[in-house]
Amino acid sequence: GVQFAFITLHVGLDTFLPVRVEDPRQHPMHSEYCE
């Protein structure tokens, strides 16, 4: 009885980039397409 739902988010550049700034709030996230 578990329900399934599907979204789409294309995984992009930030998968390969570590956070290099001391304050993570300043980390520039790369945009990814999402539906």
Full PDB file with SEQRES, HELIX, SHEET, SSBOND, CRYST1, ORIGX, SCALE, CONECT and MASTER records, all heavy atoms in Angstrom:
SEQRES   1 A   35  GLY VAL GLN PHE ALA PHE ILE THR LEU HIS VAL GLY LEU          
SEQRES   2 A   35  ASP THR PHE LEU PRO VAL ARG VAL GLU ASP PRO ARG GLN          
SEQRES   3 A   35  HIS PRO MET HIS SER GLU TYR CYS GLU                          
HELIX    1 AA1 LEU A   13  PHE A   16  5                                   4    
HELIX    2 AA2 PRO A   24  GLN A   26  5                                   3    
CRYST1    1.000    1.000    1.000  90.00  90.00  90.00 P 1           1          
ORIGX1      1.000000  0.000000  0.000000        0.00000                         
ORIGX2      0.000000  1.000000  0.000000        0.00000                         
ORIGX3      0.000000  0.000000  1.000000        0.00000                         
SCALE1      1.000000  0.000000  0.000000        0.00000                         
SCALE2      0.000000  1.000000  0.000000        0.00000                         
SCALE3      0.000000  0.000000  1.000000        0.00000                         
ATOM      1  N   GLY A   1       0.787  -1.225   0.000  1.00  0.00           N  
ATOM      2  CA  GLY A   1       0.000   0.000   0.000  1.00  0.00           C  
ATOM      3  C   GLY A   1       0.815   1.269   0.000  1.00  0.00           C  
ATOM      4  O   GLY A   1       0.264   2.367   0.180  1.00  0.00           O  
ATOM      5  N   VAL A   2       2.141   1.144  -0.213  1.00  0.00           N  
ATOM      6  CA  VAL A   2       2.977   2.341  -0.329  1.00  0.00           C  
ATOM      7  C   VAL A   2       2.711   2.988  -1.684  1.00  0.00           C  
ATOM      8  O   VAL A   2       2.655   2.308  -2.718  1.00  0.00           O  
ATOM      9  CB  VAL A   2       4.467   1.978  -0.185  1.00  0.00           C  
ATOM     10  CG1 VAL A   2       5.356   3.203  -0.416  1.00  0.00           C  
ATOM     11  CG2 VAL A   2       4.742   1.379   1.198  1.00  0.00           C  
ATOM     12  N   GLN A   3       2.551   4.311  -1.702  1.00  0.00           N  
ATOM     13  CA  GLN A   3       2.288   5.056  -2.921  1.00  0.00           C  
ATOM     14  C   GLN A   3       3.614   5.509  -3.533  1.00  0.00           C  
ATOM     15  O   GLN A   3       4.586   5.764  -2.821  1.00  0.00           O  
ATOM     16  CB  GLN A   3       1.431   6.287  -2.612  1.00  0.00           C  
ATOM     17  CG  GLN A   3       0.194   5.993  -1.793  1.00  0.00           C  
ATOM     18  CD  GLN A   3      -0.969   5.531  -2.652  1.00  0.00           C  
ATOM     19  OE1 GLN A   3      -1.258   6.115  -3.677  1.00  0.00           O  
ATOM     20  NE2 GLN A   3      -1.627   4.488  -2.212  1.00  0.00           N  
ATOM     21  N   PHE A   4       3.647   5.661  -4.850  1.00  0.00           N  
ATOM     22  CA  PHE A   4       4.835   6.138  -5.547  1.00  0.00           C  
ATOM     23  C   PHE A   4       4.531   7.448  -6.263  1.00  0.00           C  
ATOM     24  O   PHE A   4       3.442   7.628  -6.823  1.00  0.00           O  
ATOM     25  CB  PHE A   4       5.316   5.126  -6.590  1.00  0.00           C  
ATOM     26  CG  PHE A   4       5.680   3.773  -6.039  1.00  0.00           C  
ATOM     27  CD1 PHE A   4       5.627   2.648  -6.845  1.00  0.00           C  
ATOM     28  CD2 PHE A   4       6.070   3.605  -4.715  1.00  0.00           C  
ATOM     29  CE1 PHE A   4       5.957   1.399  -6.354  1.00  0.00           C  
ATOM     30  CE2 PHE A   4       6.404   2.364  -4.208  1.00  0.00           C  
ATOM     31  CZ  PHE A   4       6.347   1.251  -5.034  1.00  0.00           C  
ATOM     32  N   ALA A   5       5.507   8.368  -6.242  1.00  0.00           N  
ATOM     33  CA  ALA A   5       5.428   9.608  -7.013  1.00  0.00           C  
ATOM     34  C   ALA A   5       6.811   9.886  -7.579  1.00  0.00           C  
ATOM     35  O   ALA A   5       7.825   9.482  -6.992  1.00  0.00           O  
ATOM     36  CB  ALA A   5       4.954  10.770  -6.138  1.00  0.00           C  
ATOM     37  N   PHE A   6       6.856  10.581  -8.709  1.00  0.00           N  
ATOM     38  CA  PHE A   6       8.120  10.824  -9.396  1.00  0.00           C  
ATOM     39  C   PHE A   6       8.275  12.297  -9.744  1.00  0.00           C  
ATOM     40  O   PHE A   6       7.366  12.902 -10.306  1.00  0.00           O  
ATOM     41  CB  PHE A   6       8.201   9.993 -10.689  1.00  0.00           C  
ATOM     42  CG  PHE A   6       8.214   8.511 -10.440  1.00  0.00           C  
ATOM     43  CD1 PHE A   6       7.022   7.808 -10.331  1.00  0.00           C  
ATOM     44  CD2 PHE A   6       9.411   7.828 -10.293  1.00  0.00           C  
ATOM     45  CE1 PHE A   6       7.024   6.441 -10.092  1.00  0.00           C  
ATOM     46  CE2 PHE A   6       9.426   6.458 -10.054  1.00  0.00           C  
ATOM     47  CZ  PHE A   6       8.227   5.763  -9.955  1.00  0.00           C  
ATOM     48  N   ILE A   7       9.430  12.844  -9.356  1.00  0.00           N  
ATOM     49  CA  ILE A   7       9.826  14.175  -9.802  1.00  0.00           C  
ATOM     50  C   ILE A   7      11.048  14.008 -10.692  1.00  0.00           C  
ATOM     51  O   ILE A   7      11.604  12.905 -10.802  1.00  0.00           O  
ATOM     52  CB  ILE A   7      10.121  15.136  -8.625  1.00  0.00           C  
ATOM     53  CG1 ILE A   7      11.294  14.620  -7.756  1.00  0.00           C  
ATOM     54  CG2 ILE A   7       8.874  15.299  -7.752  1.00  0.00           C  
ATOM     55  CD1 ILE A   7      12.661  15.077  -8.170  1.00  0.00           C  
ATOM     56  N   THR A   8      11.475  15.092 -11.332  1.00  0.00           N  
ATOM     57  CA  THR A   8      12.694  15.058 -12.133  1.00  0.00           C  
ATOM     58  C   THR A   8      13.607  16.183 -11.683  1.00  0.00           C  
ATOM     59  O   THR A   8      13.183  17.338 -11.627  1.00  0.00           O  
ATOM     60  CB  THR A   8      12.377  15.227 -13.632  1.00  0.00           C  
ATOM     61  OG1 THR A   8      11.497  14.193 -14.051  1.00  0.00           O  
ATOM     62  CG2 THR A   8      13.659  15.176 -14.462  1.00  0.00           C  
ATOM     63  N   LEU A   9      14.831  15.838 -11.314  1.00  0.00           N  
ATOM     64  CA  LEU A   9      15.866  16.841 -11.083  1.00  0.00           C  
ATOM     65  C   LEU A   9      17.145  16.308 -11.700  1.00  0.00           C  
ATOM     66  O   LEU A   9      17.620  15.239 -11.328  1.00  0.00           O  
ATOM     67  CB  LEU A   9      16.070  17.153  -9.602  1.00  0.00           C  
ATOM     68  CG  LEU A   9      17.035  18.319  -9.329  1.00  0.00           C  
ATOM     69  CD1 LEU A   9      16.588  19.159  -8.144  1.00  0.00           C  
ATOM     70  CD2 LEU A   9      18.470  17.822  -9.093  1.00  0.00           C  
ATOM     71  N   HIS A  10      17.663  17.038 -12.685  1.00  0.00           N  
ATOM     72  CA  HIS A  10      18.862  16.602 -13.384  1.00  0.00           C  
ATOM     73  C   HIS A  10      20.099  17.000 -12.581  1.00  0.00           C  
ATOM     74  O   HIS A  10      20.392  18.199 -12.420  1.00  0.00           O  
ATOM     75  CB  HIS A  10      18.913  17.202 -14.787  1.00  0.00           C  
ATOM     76  CG  HIS A  10      17.841  16.684 -15.694  1.00  0.00           C  
ATOM     77  ND1 HIS A  10      17.455  15.362 -15.701  1.00  0.00           N  
ATOM     78  CD2 HIS A  10      17.065  17.310 -16.621  1.00  0.00           C  
ATOM     79  CE1 HIS A  10      16.500  15.190 -16.602  1.00  0.00           C  
ATOM     80  NE2 HIS A  10      16.244  16.351 -17.162  1.00  0.00           N  
ATOM     81  N   VAL A  11      20.810  16.002 -12.074  1.00  0.00           N  
ATOM     82  CA  VAL A  11      21.963  16.222 -11.206  1.00  0.00           C  
ATOM     83  C   VAL A  11      23.087  16.852 -12.018  1.00  0.00           C  
ATOM     84  O   VAL A  11      23.450  16.368 -13.083  1.00  0.00           O  
ATOM     85  CB  VAL A  11      22.434  14.898 -10.583  1.00  0.00           C  
ATOM     86  CG1 VAL A  11      23.554  15.153  -9.576  1.00  0.00           C  
ATOM     87  CG2 VAL A  11      21.261  14.181  -9.918  1.00  0.00           C  
ATOM     88  N   GLY A  12      23.645  17.944 -11.494  1.00  0.00           N  
ATOM     89  CA  GLY A  12      24.599  18.725 -12.270  1.00  0.00           C  
ATOM     90  C   GLY A  12      25.942  18.932 -11.601  1.00  0.00           C  
ATOM     91  O   GLY A  12      26.432  18.089 -10.836  1.00  0.00           O  
ATOM     92  N   LEU A  13      26.528  20.077 -11.848  1.00  0.00           N  
ATOM     93  CA  LEU A  13      27.918  20.375 -11.516  1.00  0.00           C  
ATOM     94  C   LEU A  13      28.242  20.225 -10.044  1.00  0.00           C  
ATOM     95  O   LEU A  13      29.321  19.740  -9.690  1.00  0.00           O  
ATOM     96  CB  LEU A  13      28.248  21.798 -11.983  1.00  0.00           C  
ATOM     97  CG  LEU A  13      29.626  22.345 -11.656  1.00  0.00           C  
ATOM     98  CD1 LEU A  13      30.689  21.527 -12.366  1.00  0.00           C  
ATOM     99  CD2 LEU A  13      29.723  23.802 -12.049  1.00  0.00           C  
ATOM    100  N   ASP A  14      27.369  20.632  -9.142  1.00  0.00           N  
ATOM    101  CA  ASP A  14      27.741  20.669  -7.733  1.00  0.00           C  
ATOM    102  C   ASP A  14      27.974  19.294  -7.137  1.00  0.00           C  
ATOM    103  O   ASP A  14      28.543  19.182  -6.046  1.00  0.00           O  
ATOM    104  CB  ASP A  14      26.683  21.418  -6.928  1.00  0.00           C  
ATOM    105  CG  ASP A  14      27.034  22.900  -6.781  1.00  0.00           C  
ATOM    106  OD1 ASP A  14      28.188  23.258  -7.048  1.00  0.00           O  
ATOM    107  OD2 ASP A  14      26.159  23.680  -6.401  1.00  0.00           O  
ATOM    108  N   THR A  15      27.547  18.233  -7.814  1.00  0.00           N  
ATOM    109  CA  THR A  15      27.898  16.897  -7.361  1.00  0.00           C  
ATOM    110  C   THR A  15      29.415  16.721  -7.317  1.00  0.00           C  
ATOM    111  O   THR A  15      29.944  15.979  -6.487  1.00  0.00           O  
ATOM    112  CB  THR A  15      27.278  15.847  -8.300  1.00  0.00           C  
ATOM    113  OG1 THR A  15      25.862  15.914  -8.186  1.00  0.00           O  
ATOM    114  CG2 THR A  15      27.727  14.440  -7.957  1.00  0.00           C  
ATOM    115  N   PHE A  16      30.141  17.426  -8.177  1.00  0.00           N  
ATOM    116  CA  PHE A  16      31.584  17.253  -8.282  1.00  0.00           C  
ATOM    117  C   PHE A  16      32.357  18.339  -7.543  1.00  0.00           C  
ATOM    118  O   PHE A  16      33.586  18.315  -7.538  1.00  0.00           O  
ATOM    119  CB  PHE A  16      32.005  17.265  -9.758  1.00  0.00           C  
ATOM    120  CG  PHE A  16      31.365  16.165 -10.554  1.00  0.00           C  
ATOM    121  CD1 PHE A  16      30.223  16.397 -11.284  1.00  0.00           C  
ATOM    122  CD2 PHE A  16      31.903  14.894 -10.555  1.00  0.00           C  
ATOM    123  CE1 PHE A  16      29.628  15.384 -12.019  1.00  0.00           C  
ATOM    124  CE2 PHE A  16      31.318  13.871 -11.287  1.00  0.00           C  
ATOM    125  CZ  PHE A  16      30.178  14.118 -12.024  1.00  0.00           C  
ATOM    126  N   LEU A  17      31.698  19.293  -6.938  1.00  0.00           N  
ATOM    127  CA  LEU A  17      32.400  20.419  -6.330  1.00  0.00           C  
ATOM    128  C   LEU A  17      32.259  20.410  -4.813  1.00  0.00           C  
ATOM    129  O   LEU A  17      31.152  20.417  -4.287  1.00  0.00           O  
ATOM    130  CB  LEU A  17      31.840  21.743  -6.876  1.00  0.00           C  
ATOM    131  CG  LEU A  17      32.124  22.047  -8.353  1.00  0.00           C  
ATOM    132  CD1 LEU A  17      31.503  23.384  -8.730  1.00  0.00           C  
ATOM    133  CD2 LEU A  17      33.619  22.066  -8.624  1.00  0.00           C  
ATOM    134  N   PRO A  18      33.375  20.415  -4.077  1.00  0.00           N  
ATOM    135  CA  PRO A  18      33.299  20.549  -2.627  1.00  0.00           C  
ATOM    136  C   PRO A  18      32.999  21.996  -2.243  1.00  0.00           C  
ATOM    137  O   PRO A  18      33.129  22.907  -3.056  1.00  0.00           O  
ATOM    138  CB  PRO A  18      34.705  20.146  -2.170  1.00  0.00           C  
ATOM    139  CG  PRO A  18      35.585  20.551  -3.315  1.00  0.00           C  
ATOM    140  CD  PRO A  18      34.762  20.320  -4.558  1.00  0.00           C  
ATOM    141  N   VAL A  19      32.581  22.165  -1.010  1.00  0.00           N  
ATOM    142  CA  VAL A  19      32.381  23.515  -0.480  1.00  0.00           C  
ATOM    143  C   VAL A  19      33.745  24.053  -0.080  1.00  0.00           C  
ATOM    144  O   VAL A  19      34.411  23.502   0.806  1.00  0.00           O  
ATOM    145  CB  VAL A  19      31.414  23.499   0.717  1.00  0.00           C  
ATOM    146  CG1 VAL A  19      31.273  24.903   1.299  1.00  0.00           C  
ATOM    147  CG2 VAL A  19      30.053  22.950   0.291  1.00  0.00           C  
ATOM    148  N   ARG A  20      34.197  25.129  -0.719  1.00  0.00           N  
ATOM    149  CA  ARG A  20      35.543  25.653  -0.499  1.00  0.00           C  
ATOM    150  C   ARG A  20      35.559  26.906   0.375  1.00  0.00           C  
ATOM    151  O   ARG A  20      36.630  27.357   0.784  1.00  0.00           O  
ATOM    152  CB  ARG A  20      36.207  25.951  -1.842  1.00  0.00           C  
ATOM    153  CG  ARG A  20      36.344  24.713  -2.734  1.00  0.00           C  
ATOM    154  CD  ARG A  20      37.186  25.005  -3.964  1.00  0.00           C  
ATOM    155  NE  ARG A  20      37.267  23.878  -4.881  1.00  0.00           N  
ATOM    156  CZ  ARG A  20      38.053  22.819  -4.718  1.00  0.00           C  
ATOM    157  NH1 ARG A  20      38.855  22.757  -3.659  1.00  0.00           N  
ATOM    158  NH2 ARG A  20      38.060  21.833  -5.594  1.00  0.00           N  
ATOM    159  N   VAL A  21      34.396  27.480   0.633  1.00  0.00           N  
ATOM    160  CA  VAL A  21      34.351  28.688   1.455  1.00  0.00           C  
ATOM    161  C   VAL A  21      34.161  28.299   2.915  1.00  0.00           C  
ATOM    162  O   VAL A  21      33.623  27.231   3.226  1.00  0.00           O  
ATOM    163  CB  VAL A  21      33.215  29.626   0.986  1.00  0.00           C  
ATOM    164  CG1 VAL A  21      33.524  30.181  -0.395  1.00  0.00           C  
ATOM    165  CG2 VAL A  21      31.870  28.904   0.975  1.00  0.00           C  
ATOM    166  N   GLU A  22      34.631  29.163   3.816  1.00  0.00           N  
ATOM    167  CA  GLU A  22      34.517  28.861   5.240  1.00  0.00           C  
ATOM    168  C   GLU A  22      33.066  28.880   5.705  1.00  0.00           C  
ATOM    169  O   GLU A  22      32.665  28.073   6.538  1.00  0.00           O  
ATOM    170  CB  GLU A  22      35.333  29.863   6.053  1.00  0.00           C  
ATOM    171  CG  GLU A  22      36.841  29.702   5.904  1.00  0.00           C  
ATOM    172  CD  GLU A  22      37.610  30.621   6.822  1.00  0.00           C  
ATOM    173  OE1 GLU A  22      36.965  31.234   7.716  1.00  0.00           O  
ATOM    174  OE2 GLU A  22      38.834  30.725   6.685  1.00  0.00           O  
ATOM    175  N   ASP A  23      32.282  29.791   5.161  1.00  0.00           N  
ATOM    176  CA  ASP A  23      30.870  29.911   5.516  1.00  0.00           C  
ATOM    177  C   ASP A  23      30.045  29.256   4.409  1.00  0.00           C  
ATOM    178  O   ASP A  23      29.998  29.767   3.289  1.00  0.00           O  
ATOM    179  CB  ASP A  23      30.482  31.382   5.655  1.00  0.00           C  
ATOM    180  CG  ASP A  23      29.047  31.571   6.129  1.00  0.00           C  
ATOM    181  OD1 ASP A  23      28.269  30.599   6.106  1.00  0.00           O  
ATOM    182  OD2 ASP A  23      28.699  32.708   6.510  1.00  0.00           O  
ATOM    183  N   PRO A  24      29.409  28.107   4.671  1.00  0.00           N  
ATOM    184  CA  PRO A  24      28.687  27.414   3.602  1.00  0.00           C  
ATOM    185  C   PRO A  24      27.552  28.236   3.011  1.00  0.00           C  
ATOM    186  O   PRO A  24      27.118  27.971   1.888  1.00  0.00           O  
ATOM    187  CB  PRO A  24      28.160  26.144   4.286  1.00  0.00           C  
ATOM    188  CG  PRO A  24      28.185  26.441   5.746  1.00  0.00           C  
ATOM    189  CD  PRO A  24      29.327  27.390   5.957  1.00  0.00           C  
ATOM    190  N   ARG A  25      27.085  29.244   3.733  1.00  0.00           N  
ATOM    191  CA  ARG A  25      26.022  30.102   3.191  1.00  0.00           C  
ATOM    192  C   ARG A  25      26.507  30.921   2.004  1.00  0.00           C  
ATOM    193  O   ARG A  25      25.701  31.445   1.228  1.00  0.00           O  
ATOM    194  CB  ARG A  25      25.487  31.023   4.293  1.00  0.00           C  
ATOM    195  CG  ARG A  25      24.682  30.286   5.351  1.00  0.00           C  
ATOM    196  CD  ARG A  25      24.438  31.126   6.581  1.00  0.00           C  
ATOM    197  NE  ARG A  25      25.688  31.360   7.318  1.00  0.00           N  
ATOM    198  CZ  ARG A  25      25.740  31.809   8.565  1.00  0.00           C  
ATOM    199  NH1 ARG A  25      24.606  32.066   9.221  1.00  0.00           N  
ATOM    200  NH2 ARG A  25      26.899  31.993   9.165  1.00  0.00           N  
ATOM    201  N   GLN A  26      27.835  31.011   1.842  1.00  0.00           N  
ATOM    202  CA  GLN A  26      28.417  31.737   0.712  1.00  0.00           C  
ATOM    203  C   GLN A  26      28.754  30.821  -0.457  1.00  0.00           C  
ATOM    204  O   GLN A  26      29.292  31.278  -1.465  1.00  0.00           O  
ATOM    205  CB  GLN A  26      29.684  32.465   1.177  1.00  0.00           C  
ATOM    206  CG  GLN A  26      29.464  33.409   2.352  1.00  0.00           C  
ATOM    207  CD  GLN A  26      28.416  34.469   2.052  1.00  0.00           C  
ATOM    208  OE1 GLN A  26      28.422  35.064   0.976  1.00  0.00           O  
ATOM    209  NE2 GLN A  26      27.513  34.691   2.997  1.00  0.00           N  
ATOM    210  N   HIS A  27      28.438  29.546  -0.342  1.00  0.00           N  
ATOM    211  CA  HIS A  27      28.752  28.596  -1.412  1.00  0.00           C  
ATOM    212  C   HIS A  27      27.859  28.846  -2.630  1.00  0.00           C  
ATOM    213  O   HIS A  27      26.630  28.886  -2.500  1.00  0.00           O  
ATOM    214  CB  HIS A  27      28.545  27.163  -0.910  1.00  0.00           C  
ATOM    215  CG  HIS A  27      28.739  26.117  -1.968  1.00  0.00           C  
ATOM    216  ND1 HIS A  27      29.964  25.828  -2.520  1.00  0.00           N  
ATOM    217  CD2 HIS A  27      27.845  25.284  -2.584  1.00  0.00           C  
ATOM    218  CE1 HIS A  27      29.832  24.858  -3.415  1.00  0.00           C  
ATOM    219  NE2 HIS A  27      28.562  24.521  -3.476  1.00  0.00           N  
ATOM    220  N   PRO A  28      28.425  29.020  -3.818  1.00  0.00           N  
ATOM    221  CA  PRO A  28      27.608  29.276  -5.012  1.00  0.00           C  
ATOM    222  C   PRO A  28      27.054  27.978  -5.587  1.00  0.00           C  
ATOM    223  O   PRO A  28      27.768  27.212  -6.225  1.00  0.00           O  
ATOM    224  CB  PRO A  28      28.601  29.935  -5.981  1.00  0.00           C  
ATOM    225  CG  PRO A  28      29.934  29.362  -5.586  1.00  0.00           C  
ATOM    226  CD  PRO A  28      29.873  29.097  -4.106  1.00  0.00           C  
ATOM    227  N   MET A  29      25.777  27.725  -5.367  1.00  0.00           N  
ATOM    228  CA  MET A  29      25.148  26.526  -5.908  1.00  0.00           C  
ATOM    229  C   MET A  29      24.892  26.693  -7.399  1.00  0.00           C  
ATOM    230  O   MET A  29      24.389  27.725  -7.852  1.00  0.00           O  
ATOM    231  CB  MET A  29      23.821  26.245  -5.195  1.00  0.00           C  
ATOM    232  CG  MET A  29      23.974  25.709  -3.796  1.00  0.00           C  
ATOM    233  SD  MET A  29      24.586  24.000  -3.731  1.00  0.00           S  
ATOM    234  CE  MET A  29      23.116  23.098  -4.215  1.00  0.00           C  
ATOM    235  N   HIS A  30      25.213  25.665  -8.164  1.00  0.00           N  
ATOM    236  CA  HIS A  30      24.936  25.653  -9.597  1.00  0.00           C  
ATOM    237  C   HIS A  30      23.472  25.286  -9.804  1.00  0.00           C  
ATOM    238  O   HIS A  30      22.928  24.419  -9.119  1.00  0.00           O  
ATOM    239  CB  HIS A  30      25.840  24.633 -10.281  1.00  0.00           C  
ATOM    240  CG  HIS A  30      25.852  24.718 -11.774  1.00  0.00           C  
ATOM    241  ND1 HIS A  30      26.491  25.742 -12.444  1.00  0.00           N  
ATOM    242  CD2 HIS A  30      25.323  23.916 -12.720  1.00  0.00           C  
ATOM    243  CE1 HIS A  30      26.358  25.564 -13.747  1.00  0.00           C  
ATOM    244  NE2 HIS A  30      25.647  24.473 -13.937  1.00  0.00           N  
ATOM    245  N   SER A  31      22.814  25.935 -10.733  1.00  0.00           N  
ATOM    246  CA  SER A  31      21.401  25.663 -10.991  1.00  0.00           C  
ATOM    247  C   SER A  31      21.219  24.305 -11.660  1.00  0.00           C  
ATOM    248  O   SER A  31      22.025  23.900 -12.513  1.00  0.00           O  
ATOM    249  CB  SER A  31      20.803  26.748 -11.885  1.00  0.00           C  
ATOM    250  OG  SER A  31      20.773  27.990 -11.214  1.00  0.00           O  
ATOM    251  N   GLU A  32      20.165  23.604 -11.271  1.00  0.00           N  
ATOM    252  CA  GLU A  32      19.815  22.318 -11.852  1.00  0.00           C  
ATOM    253  C   GLU A  32      18.357  22.353 -12.299  1.00  0.00           C  
ATOM    254  O   GLU A  32      17.505  22.936 -11.621  1.00  0.00           O  
ATOM    255  CB  GLU A  32      20.037  21.190 -10.848  1.00  0.00           C  
ATOM    256  CG  GLU A  32      21.499  21.021 -10.455  1.00  0.00           C  
ATOM    257  CD  GLU A  32      21.695  20.109  -9.262  1.00  0.00           C  
ATOM    258  OE1 GLU A  32      20.968  20.287  -8.257  1.00  0.00           O  
ATOM    259  OE2 GLU A  32      22.566  19.244  -9.314  1.00  0.00           O  
ATOM    260  N   TYR A  33      18.077  21.696 -13.423  1.00  0.00           N  
ATOM    261  CA  TYR A  33      16.711  21.707 -13.952  1.00  0.00           C  
ATOM    262  C   TYR A  33      15.841  20.743 -13.157  1.00  0.00           C  
ATOM    263  O   TYR A  33      16.239  19.632 -12.836  1.00  0.00           O  
ATOM    264  CB  TYR A  33      16.693  21.313 -15.428  1.00  0.00           C  
ATOM    265  CG  TYR A  33      15.304  21.407 -16.017  1.00  0.00           C  
ATOM    266  CD1 TYR A  33      14.759  22.641 -16.353  1.00  0.00           C  
ATOM    267  CD2 TYR A  33      14.535  20.263 -16.198  1.00  0.00           C  
ATOM    268  CE1 TYR A  33      13.483  22.730 -16.868  1.00  0.00           C  
ATOM    269  CE2 TYR A  33      13.257  20.342 -16.716  1.00  0.00           C  
ATOM    270  CZ  TYR A  33      12.734  21.575 -17.052  1.00  0.00           C  
ATOM    271  OH  TYR A  33      11.463  21.662 -17.556  1.00  0.00           O  
ATOM    272  N   CYS A  34      14.617  21.184 -12.882  1.00  0.00           N  
ATOM    273  CA  CYS A  34      13.735  20.447 -11.979  1.00  0.00           C  
ATOM    274  C   CYS A  34      12.295  20.524 -12.474  1.00  0.00           C  
ATOM    275  O   CYS A  34      11.866  21.557 -12.996  1.00  0.00           O  
ATOM    276  CB  CYS A  34      13.866  21.060 -10.584  1.00  0.00           C  
ATOM    277  SG  CYS A  34      12.671  20.499  -9.379  1.00  0.00           S  
ATOM    278  N   GLU A  35      11.565  19.434 -12.307  1.00  0.00           N  
ATOM    279  CA  GLU A  35      10.133  19.413 -12.611  1.00  0.00           C  
ATOM    280  C   GLU A  35       9.380  18.693 -11.500  1.00  0.00           C  
ATOM    281  O   GLU A  35       9.719  17.555 -11.149  1.00  0.00           O  
ATOM    282  CB  GLU A  35       9.847  18.694 -13.932  1.00  0.00           C  
ATOM    283  CG  GLU A  35      10.238  19.472 -15.168  1.00  0.00           C  
ATOM    284  CD  GLU A  35       9.746  18.793 -16.451  1.00  0.00           C  
ATOM    285  OE1 GLU A  35       8.907  17.865 -16.347  1.00  0.00           O  
ATOM    286  OE2 GLU A  35      10.200  19.191 -17.531  1.00  0.00           O  
TER     287      GLU A  35                                                      
MASTER        0    0    0    2    0    0    0    6  286    1    0    3          
END                                                                             
